[in-house]
Protein backbone atom coordinates (compact mmCIF):
# COMPACT_ATOMS: atom_id res chain seq x y z
CA MET A 1 -46.06 3.23 0.57
CA ASN A 2 -44.42 2.84 4.02
CA ALA A 3 -43.98 6.76 4.64
CA ASP A 4 -47.33 8.05 6.85
CA THR A 5 -46.77 11.95 6.30
CA PRO A 6 -45.69 14.18 3.57
CA GLU A 7 -42.58 14.98 5.27
CA GLU A 8 -41.40 11.33 5.23
CA LEU A 9 -42.37 10.87 1.04
CA ILE A 10 -40.13 13.86 0.30
CA GLN A 11 -37.53 12.34 2.75
CA ALA A 12 -37.84 9.03 0.65
CA ILE A 13 -37.64 11.29 -2.44
CA ASP A 14 -34.37 13.19 -1.56
CA LEU A 15 -32.89 9.91 -0.17
CA ALA A 16 -34.26 8.34 -3.32
CA LEU A 17 -32.42 11.24 -5.03
CA GLY A 18 -29.24 11.53 -3.27
CA GLN A 19 -28.58 7.51 -3.79
CA GLY A 20 -29.20 8.19 -7.65
CA ASN A 21 -32.51 6.27 -7.97
CA PHE A 22 -34.10 8.57 -10.08
CA ASN A 23 -36.69 5.73 -11.23
CA GLN A 24 -37.76 5.08 -7.41
CA ALA A 25 -37.54 8.88 -6.72
CA LYS A 26 -40.11 9.52 -9.62
CA THR A 27 -42.53 6.92 -8.83
CA LEU A 28 -42.54 8.29 -5.23
CA SER A 29 -43.31 11.53 -6.34
CA ASP A 30 -46.35 10.52 -8.41
CA GLN A 31 -47.79 8.35 -5.89
CA ALA A 32 -47.02 11.08 -3.22
CA SER A 33 -48.64 13.38 -5.41
CA GLN A 34 -52.01 11.57 -5.74
CA ASP A 35 -51.45 10.97 -2.02
CA TYR A 36 -51.12 14.53 -0.90
CA PRO A 37 -52.74 16.65 -4.04
CA ASN A 38 -52.61 20.16 -1.92
CA HIS A 39 -49.19 20.29 -0.90
CA ASP A 40 -46.61 22.53 -2.65
CA LYS A 41 -43.24 20.49 -2.04
CA ILE A 42 -44.79 17.03 -3.48
CA GLN A 43 -46.68 18.98 -6.41
CA ARG A 44 -43.18 21.05 -6.89
CA TYR A 45 -41.04 17.31 -6.86
CA ALA A 46 -44.12 15.82 -9.12
CA ARG A 47 -43.60 18.35 -12.18
CA ILE A 48 -39.74 18.23 -11.91
CA LEU A 49 -39.64 14.87 -11.80
CA SER A 50 -42.69 13.92 -14.56
CA SER A 51 -41.05 16.02 -16.81
CA PRO A 52 -40.25 14.30 -20.60
CA ASN A 53 -37.38 16.66 -20.78
CA VAL A 54 -35.53 14.88 -17.78
CA PRO A 55 -33.50 12.37 -19.11
CA PHE A 56 -33.51 9.51 -16.31
CA GLN A 57 -30.24 7.02 -16.42
CA GLN A 58 -29.25 5.09 -13.64
CA LEU A 59 -26.10 6.19 -13.07
CA SER A 60 -23.11 3.65 -12.81
CA ARG A 61 -20.86 3.98 -10.44
CA ASN A 62 -18.10 6.55 -10.53
CA PRO A 63 -15.95 7.70 -8.16
CA ASN A 64 -16.10 11.25 -8.57
CA THR A 65 -20.28 11.10 -8.10
CA PRO A 66 -19.56 12.15 -4.28
CA LEU A 67 -17.59 14.71 -5.28
CA ASN A 68 -20.40 15.91 -7.48
CA LEU A 69 -22.88 15.46 -4.91
CA SER A 70 -21.42 16.79 -2.31
CA TRP A 71 -21.16 20.12 -4.24
CA VAL A 72 -24.49 19.97 -4.64
CA ILE A 73 -25.49 19.76 -1.64
CA ARG A 74 -23.12 22.80 -0.84
CA HIS A 75 -23.74 24.94 -2.80
CA ARG A 76 -27.52 24.28 -3.37
CA GLN A 77 -28.89 27.65 -1.29
CA ASP A 78 -26.96 29.87 -4.45
CA TYR A 79 -27.67 27.32 -7.39
CA ARG A 80 -31.46 26.79 -6.05
CA GLY A 81 -33.30 26.24 -9.68
CA ARG A 82 -30.01 26.12 -11.88
CA TRP A 83 -29.21 23.77 -13.93
CA VAL A 84 -25.12 22.47 -13.32
CA ALA A 85 -22.56 20.68 -14.85
CA LEU A 86 -19.91 19.38 -12.48
CA GLU A 87 -16.61 17.49 -12.76
CA LYS A 88 -14.90 15.67 -10.27
CA GLY A 89 -16.91 17.89 -7.81
CA HIS A 90 -15.81 21.36 -9.60
CA LEU A 91 -18.47 23.90 -11.36
CA ILE A 92 -17.78 23.69 -15.04
CA ALA A 93 -20.95 25.49 -16.02
CA ASP A 94 -24.52 26.91 -14.68
CA ALA A 95 -27.52 27.40 -16.92
CA GLY A 96 -31.19 28.49 -16.47
CA SER A 97 -32.68 25.57 -18.96
CA LEU A 98 -30.74 21.92 -20.08
CA ASP A 99 -30.62 23.43 -23.59
CA GLN A 100 -28.75 26.44 -22.55
CA LEU A 101 -26.37 24.13 -20.55
CA PHE A 102 -25.75 21.97 -23.50
CA ALA A 103 -24.96 25.16 -25.44
CA GLN A 104 -22.50 26.44 -22.89
CA VAL A 105 -20.82 23.48 -22.82
CA GLY A 106 -21.09 21.16 -26.24
CA LYS A 107 -23.15 18.42 -26.62
CA GLU A 108 -20.04 16.12 -26.76
CA LYS A 109 -18.35 17.75 -23.29
CA MET A 110 -21.70 17.15 -21.54
CA LYS A 111 -21.42 12.96 -21.84
CA ASP A 112 -17.96 13.00 -19.99
CA LEU A 113 -19.89 15.43 -17.26
CA PHE A 114 -22.44 15.05 -14.08
CA TYR A 115 -25.35 17.15 -14.41
CA THR A 116 -28.51 18.28 -12.94
CA ILE A 117 -30.77 20.68 -11.44
CA VAL A 118 -30.35 21.90 -8.30
CA TYR A 119 -33.08 22.04 -5.88
């Protein structure tokens, strides 16, 4: 791993997540978790990214992705720890769990939306 400090690892994980490289973020957090077992933020990332309930898929290029990611960045303080469903940079729904979000929006509609947990 090229990062030397926990903060650099966190930055690398954030960058991977921001680019939609969820598998890379998971790999980085797994290694960081082993290297820094007592670092709270690294352990939080490891718990979130290693969850078997979080579906990891590489996103195809979508012109709405920057709009959605921009929304997440602007509103992350207000929705931290919540699941959100977005469409073209607009909030459709938010919930405390992924199951609740799917129940609110409907499974078929969720296929057309960008959804994520905000951290």
